[in-house]
Protein backbone atom coordinates (compact mmCIF):
# COMPACT_ATOMS: atom_id res chain seq x y z
CA MET A 1 12.17 7.90 3.54
CA SER A 2 8.90 8.85 5.41
CA THR A 3 6.41 5.88 5.19
CA SER A 4 3.74 7.69 7.49
CA ARG A 5 1.63 8.06 3.92
CA GLN A 6 1.98 6.77 0.87
CA SER A 7 0.15 6.87 -2.58
CA ARG A 8 -0.90 4.87 -5.26
CA ALA A 9 -1.22 5.56 -8.81
CA HIS A 10 -3.55 4.41 -11.68
CA VAL A 11 -5.21 5.39 -14.85
CA VAL A 12 -8.32 4.04 -16.49
CA VAL A 13 -8.07 2.62 -20.13
CA GLU A 14 -9.95 0.87 -22.68
CA VAL A 15 -8.14 -2.06 -24.34
CA ALA A 16 -8.49 -4.66 -26.45
CA PHE A 17 -6.71 -8.00 -26.52
CA VAL A 18 -4.81 -9.13 -29.62
CA PRO A 19 -6.13 -12.75 -30.16
CA PRO A 20 -3.58 -15.76 -30.42
CA SER A 21 -4.47 -16.11 -34.22
CA GLN A 22 -2.87 -12.87 -34.53
CA GLY A 23 0.29 -13.05 -31.94
CA GLY A 24 -1.55 -12.44 -28.69
CA ARG A 25 -1.48 -14.04 -25.09
CA PRO A 26 -3.01 -17.87 -25.38
CA VAL A 27 -5.57 -16.71 -22.71
CA MET A 28 -7.09 -13.91 -21.83
CA PRO A 29 -6.10 -12.25 -18.24
CA VAL A 30 -8.88 -12.24 -15.50
CA GLY A 31 -9.18 -10.76 -12.28
CA ASN A 32 -6.17 -8.54 -10.88
CA GLY A 33 -2.31 -9.19 -11.12
CA TYR A 34 -1.69 -9.33 -14.63
CA ALA A 35 1.24 -7.19 -14.97
CA PRO A 36 2.08 -6.18 -18.43
CA TYR A 37 4.38 -3.27 -19.72
CA LEU A 38 2.69 -0.31 -21.10
CA ARG A 39 4.29 1.57 -24.24
CA THR A 40 2.88 5.31 -25.16
CA GLY A 41 5.16 6.46 -27.50
CA LEU A 42 5.58 9.74 -25.42
CA VAL A 43 8.37 8.40 -23.16
CA PRO A 44 11.76 6.45 -24.15
CA ASP A 45 11.09 3.53 -22.09
CA ASP A 46 8.01 0.94 -21.39
CA LEU A 47 6.38 1.44 -18.14
CA ALA A 48 5.52 -1.22 -15.73
CA VAL A 49 1.93 -1.57 -14.75
CA ARG A 50 -0.66 -3.87 -13.11
CA MET A 51 -3.76 -4.57 -14.38
CA ARG A 52 -7.07 -4.67 -11.86
CA ASP A 53 -10.65 -5.40 -12.45
CA VAL A 54 -10.64 -7.48 -15.72
CA PRO A 55 -14.07 -9.02 -16.37
CA ALA A 56 -14.20 -12.48 -16.47
CA THR A 57 -16.86 -12.15 -19.63
CA ALA A 58 -13.90 -10.50 -21.37
CA THR A 59 -13.26 -11.87 -24.87
CA PHE A 60 -10.07 -11.34 -27.40
CA GLY A 61 -11.02 -8.26 -29.61
CA GLU A 62 -13.36 -6.73 -27.47
CA PRO A 63 -12.81 -3.19 -25.73
CA ILE A 64 -12.60 -3.66 -21.99
CA THR A 65 -12.28 -0.77 -19.72
CA VAL A 66 -9.99 -1.55 -16.72
CA SER A 67 -7.56 0.38 -14.11
CA LEU A 68 -3.94 0.14 -14.66
CA GLU A 69 -1.80 0.18 -11.40
CA LEU A 70 1.27 2.21 -11.92
CA SER A 71 3.61 -0.11 -10.52
CA TYR A 72 6.69 2.42 -9.40
CA TYR A 73 4.85 5.47 -9.18
CA PRO A 74 6.13 8.04 -8.25
CA GLU A 75 9.87 6.92 -8.69
CA ILE A 76 9.31 6.66 -12.09
CA ASP A 77 7.39 9.30 -14.15
CA TYR A 78 3.97 7.97 -15.49
CA GLY A 79 2.93 11.82 -16.37
CA PRO A 80 2.27 11.34 -19.90
CA LEU A 81 -0.62 9.46 -19.54
CA ASP A 82 -3.63 11.20 -20.07
CA ASP A 83 -7.31 10.68 -21.61
CA GLY A 84 -7.00 10.04 -25.21
CA VAL A 85 -3.15 8.85 -25.12
CA ALA A 86 -2.68 5.83 -27.12
CA ILE A 87 -1.14 2.90 -25.75
CA ASP A 88 0.11 -0.72 -26.28
CA LEU A 89 0.21 -3.23 -23.73
CA LEU A 90 3.30 -5.60 -24.09
CA GLU A 91 4.89 -8.95 -22.87
CA GLY A 92 8.54 -8.44 -23.63
CA PRO A 93 8.47 -7.31 -27.22
CA LYS A 94 5.26 -8.90 -27.81
CA ILE A 95 1.98 -6.48 -28.21
CA VAL A 96 -0.91 -8.11 -26.64
CA ALA A 97 -3.33 -5.27 -26.44
CA ARG A 98 -4.15 -2.19 -27.71
CA GLY A 99 -6.16 0.88 -26.33
CA HIS A 100 -6.28 4.33 -24.98
CA CYS A 101 -6.26 6.01 -21.94
CA LYS A 102 -9.71 7.10 -20.47
CA SER A 103 -8.48 9.30 -17.41
CA ARG A 104 -5.67 11.03 -16.17
CA LEU A 105 -3.22 9.60 -13.30
CA ILE A 106 -5.88 8.92 -10.27
CA LEU A 107 -3.97 8.93 -6.60
CA SER A 108 -5.15 7.35 -3.60
CA ALA A 109 -3.92 6.87 -0.30
CA VAL A 110 -2.87 3.24 0.75
């Protein structure tokens, strides 16, 4: 396995977090590092992601635009993620946010 050059991948998404009163998370994630699973309905498995750039001003029910780092790219195929694809973010079986992709897969060197 070559370690001379690796790639990191992400997609830009717009999501709104479900309020706690409707079964969502008890608190909003902020900053970097929140790691839910992503479900698209286009692949049989939920996909591991790590959220980046969640604004401190984010509130439940209001759409925010963030980056989702694709945790296991390229070992896992995240290919179906594309502009306009509907997504859910999950913690276990619970949907904590809903939204859609605003970009195709974006690669950057590590």
